[in-house]
Amino acid sequence: MGFLNETAKALGIEQGITNQSFCYISPDNGIVVEGYKKVYELSIARIVLLLIDGRRIEILGNNLTIKELSHREISILGSISTVNFV
């Protein structure tokens, strides 16, 4: 369970939060995605993630590397140039 889900649960907000995805972007450092299902495509310049809601998110940049934080949360480190839903 991600940070936002834990916070929502602590506040008593449990309805409708299980199938959402959230992105936190720092262009110089990387991106954290909550609610990903699997890595769809992987290279040092392009990473595509399948989200739990069925959408795909494409991250473009330089020297991209993946570090999984926890179940359904992933961190991608590197210099991010573009983030798109595809």
C-alpha atoms as a PDB file:
ATOM      1  CA  MET A   1       0.000   0.000   0.000  1.00  0.00           C
ATOM      2  CA  GLY A   2       1.365   3.399  -0.995  1.00  0.00           C
ATOM      3  CA  PHE A   3       1.813   6.475   1.117  1.00  0.00           C
ATOM      4  CA  LEU A   4      -1.303   8.158  -0.285  1.00  0.00           C
ATOM      5  CA  ASN A   5      -3.417   5.069   0.300  1.00  0.00           C
ATOM      6  CA  GLU A   6      -2.152   4.764   3.878  1.00  0.00           C
ATOM      7  CA  THR A   7      -2.908   8.439   4.505  1.00  0.00           C
ATOM      8  CA  ALA A   8      -6.390   8.123   3.008  1.00  0.00           C
ATOM      9  CA  LYS A   9      -7.078   5.037   5.110  1.00  0.00           C
ATOM     10  CA  ALA A  10      -5.940   6.879   8.258  1.00  0.00           C
ATOM     11  CA  LEU A  11      -8.397   9.645   7.383  1.00  0.00           C
ATOM     12  CA  GLY A  12     -11.187   7.130   6.863  1.00  0.00           C
ATOM     13  CA  ILE A  13     -11.285   7.550   3.078  1.00  0.00           C
ATOM     14  CA  GLU A  14     -11.148   4.041   1.679  1.00  0.00           C
ATOM     15  CA  GLN A  15     -13.646   4.106  -1.189  1.00  0.00           C
ATOM     16  CA  GLY A  16     -12.272   4.452  -4.730  1.00  0.00           C
ATOM     17  CA  ILE A  17      -8.569   4.741  -3.944  1.00  0.00           C
ATOM     18  CA  THR A  18      -7.419   1.248  -4.889  1.00  0.00           C
ATOM     19  CA  ASN A  19      -7.402   1.645  -8.699  1.00  0.00           C
ATOM     20  CA  GLN A  20      -5.767   5.047  -9.020  1.00  0.00           C
ATOM     21  CA  SER A  21      -2.275   5.948 -10.140  1.00  0.00           C
ATOM     22  CA  PHE A  22      -0.193   8.919  -8.993  1.00  0.00           C
ATOM     23  CA  CYS A  23       3.062  10.362 -10.367  1.00  0.00           C
ATOM     24  CA  TYR A  24       5.596  12.555  -8.603  1.00  0.00           C
ATOM     25  CA  ILE A  25       8.079  14.075 -11.036  1.00  0.00           C
ATOM     26  CA  SER A  26      11.449  15.720 -10.473  1.00  0.00           C
ATOM     27  CA  PRO A  27      12.889  16.382 -13.964  1.00  0.00           C
ATOM     28  CA  ASP A  28      16.506  16.363 -12.775  1.00  0.00           C
ATOM     29  CA  ASN A  29      16.240  13.364 -10.441  1.00  0.00           C
ATOM     30  CA  GLY A  30      13.472  11.040 -11.589  1.00  0.00           C
ATOM     31  CA  ILE A  31       9.863  10.019 -11.079  1.00  0.00           C
ATOM     32  CA  VAL A  32       7.906   7.963  -8.550  1.00  0.00           C
ATOM     33  CA  VAL A  33       4.765   6.186  -9.756  1.00  0.00           C
ATOM     34  CA  GLU A  34       2.186   4.721  -7.396  1.00  0.00           C
ATOM     35  CA  GLY A  35      -0.240   2.263  -8.925  1.00  0.00           C
ATOM     36  CA  TYR A  36       1.800   0.565 -11.628  1.00  0.00           C
ATOM     37  CA  LYS A  37       1.082  -3.010 -12.640  1.00  0.00           C
ATOM     38  CA  LYS A  38       4.166  -3.965 -14.662  1.00  0.00           C
ATOM     39  CA  VAL A  39       7.060  -2.677 -16.738  1.00  0.00           C
ATOM     40  CA  TYR A  40       5.864  -2.759 -20.347  1.00  0.00           C
ATOM     41  CA  GLU A  41       9.051  -1.561 -22.085  1.00  0.00           C
ATOM     42  CA  LEU A  42      12.546  -0.816 -20.805  1.00  0.00           C
ATOM     43  CA  SER A  43      15.662   0.943 -22.128  1.00  0.00           C
ATOM     44  CA  ILE A  44      18.036   3.585 -20.746  1.00  0.00           C
ATOM     45  CA  ALA A  45      16.179   6.256 -22.759  1.00  0.00           C
ATOM     46  CA  ARG A  46      12.554   5.033 -22.579  1.00  0.00           C
ATOM     47  CA  ILE A  47      10.459   3.236 -19.974  1.00  0.00           C
ATOM     48  CA  VAL A  48       6.784   2.393 -20.423  1.00  0.00           C
ATOM     49  CA  LEU A  49       4.733   1.276 -17.416  1.00  0.00           C
ATOM     50  CA  LEU A  50       1.324  -0.392 -17.445  1.00  0.00           C
ATOM     51  CA  LEU A  51      -0.785   1.197 -14.718  1.00  0.00           C
ATOM     52  CA  ILE A  52      -3.385  -0.601 -12.626  1.00  0.00           C
ATOM     53  CA  ASP A  53      -6.162   1.410 -14.289  1.00  0.00           C
ATOM     54  CA  GLY A  54      -5.140   0.025 -17.716  1.00  0.00           C
ATOM     55  CA  ARG A  55      -3.391   3.132 -19.032  1.00  0.00           C
ATOM     56  CA  ARG A  56       0.272   3.241 -20.002  1.00  0.00           C
ATOM     57  CA  ILE A  57       2.737   5.946 -19.028  1.00  0.00           C
ATOM     58  CA  GLU A  58       5.864   6.611 -21.107  1.00  0.00           C
ATOM     59  CA  ILE A  59       8.924   8.159 -19.475  1.00  0.00           C
ATOM     60  CA  LEU A  60      11.636   9.528 -21.780  1.00  0.00           C
ATOM     61  CA  GLY A  61      15.038  10.767 -20.672  1.00  0.00           C
ATOM     62  CA  ASN A  62      18.704   9.911 -20.201  1.00  0.00           C
ATOM     63  CA  ASN A  63      20.299   7.182 -18.089  1.00  0.00           C
ATOM     64  CA  LEU A  64      16.941   5.896 -16.821  1.00  0.00           C
ATOM     65  CA  THR A  65      17.129   3.152 -14.200  1.00  0.00           C
ATOM     66  CA  ILE A  66      14.411   1.464 -12.178  1.00  0.00           C
ATOM     67  CA  LYS A  67      14.309   0.988  -8.443  1.00  0.00           C
ATOM     68  CA  GLU A  68      11.160  -0.662  -7.107  1.00  0.00           C
ATOM     69  CA  LEU A  69      10.162   0.853  -3.788  1.00  0.00           C
ATOM     70  CA  SER A  70       7.331  -1.479  -2.790  1.00  0.00           C
ATOM     71  CA  HIS A  71       4.369  -3.380  -4.162  1.00  0.00           C
ATOM     72  CA  ARG A  72       2.712  -1.158  -6.813  1.00  0.00           C
ATOM     73  CA  GLU A  73       5.229   1.687  -6.321  1.00  0.00           C
ATOM     74  CA  ILE A  74       8.222   2.244  -8.562  1.00  0.00           C
ATOM     75  CA  SER A  75      10.969   4.838  -8.738  1.00  0.00           C
ATOM     76  CA  ILE A  76      12.702   5.692 -11.985  1.00  0.00           C
ATOM     77  CA  LEU A  77      15.965   7.575 -11.601  1.00  0.00           C
ATOM     78  CA  GLY A  78      17.663   9.663 -14.273  1.00  0.00           C
ATOM     79  CA  SER A  79      17.218  12.870 -16.209  1.00  0.00           C
ATOM     80  CA  ILE A  80      13.526  13.005 -17.262  1.00  0.00           C
ATOM     81  CA  SER A  81      12.704  14.906 -20.466  1.00  0.00           C
ATOM     82  CA  THR A  82       9.088  13.843 -21.144  1.00  0.00           C
ATOM     83  CA  VAL A  83       6.251  12.009 -19.410  1.00  0.00           C
ATOM     84  CA  ASN A  84       3.229  10.975 -21.534  1.00  0.00           C
ATOM     85  CA  PHE A  85       0.183   8.789 -21.171  1.00  0.00           C
ATOM     86  CA  VAL A  86       0.034   6.538 -24.247  1.00  0.00           C
END
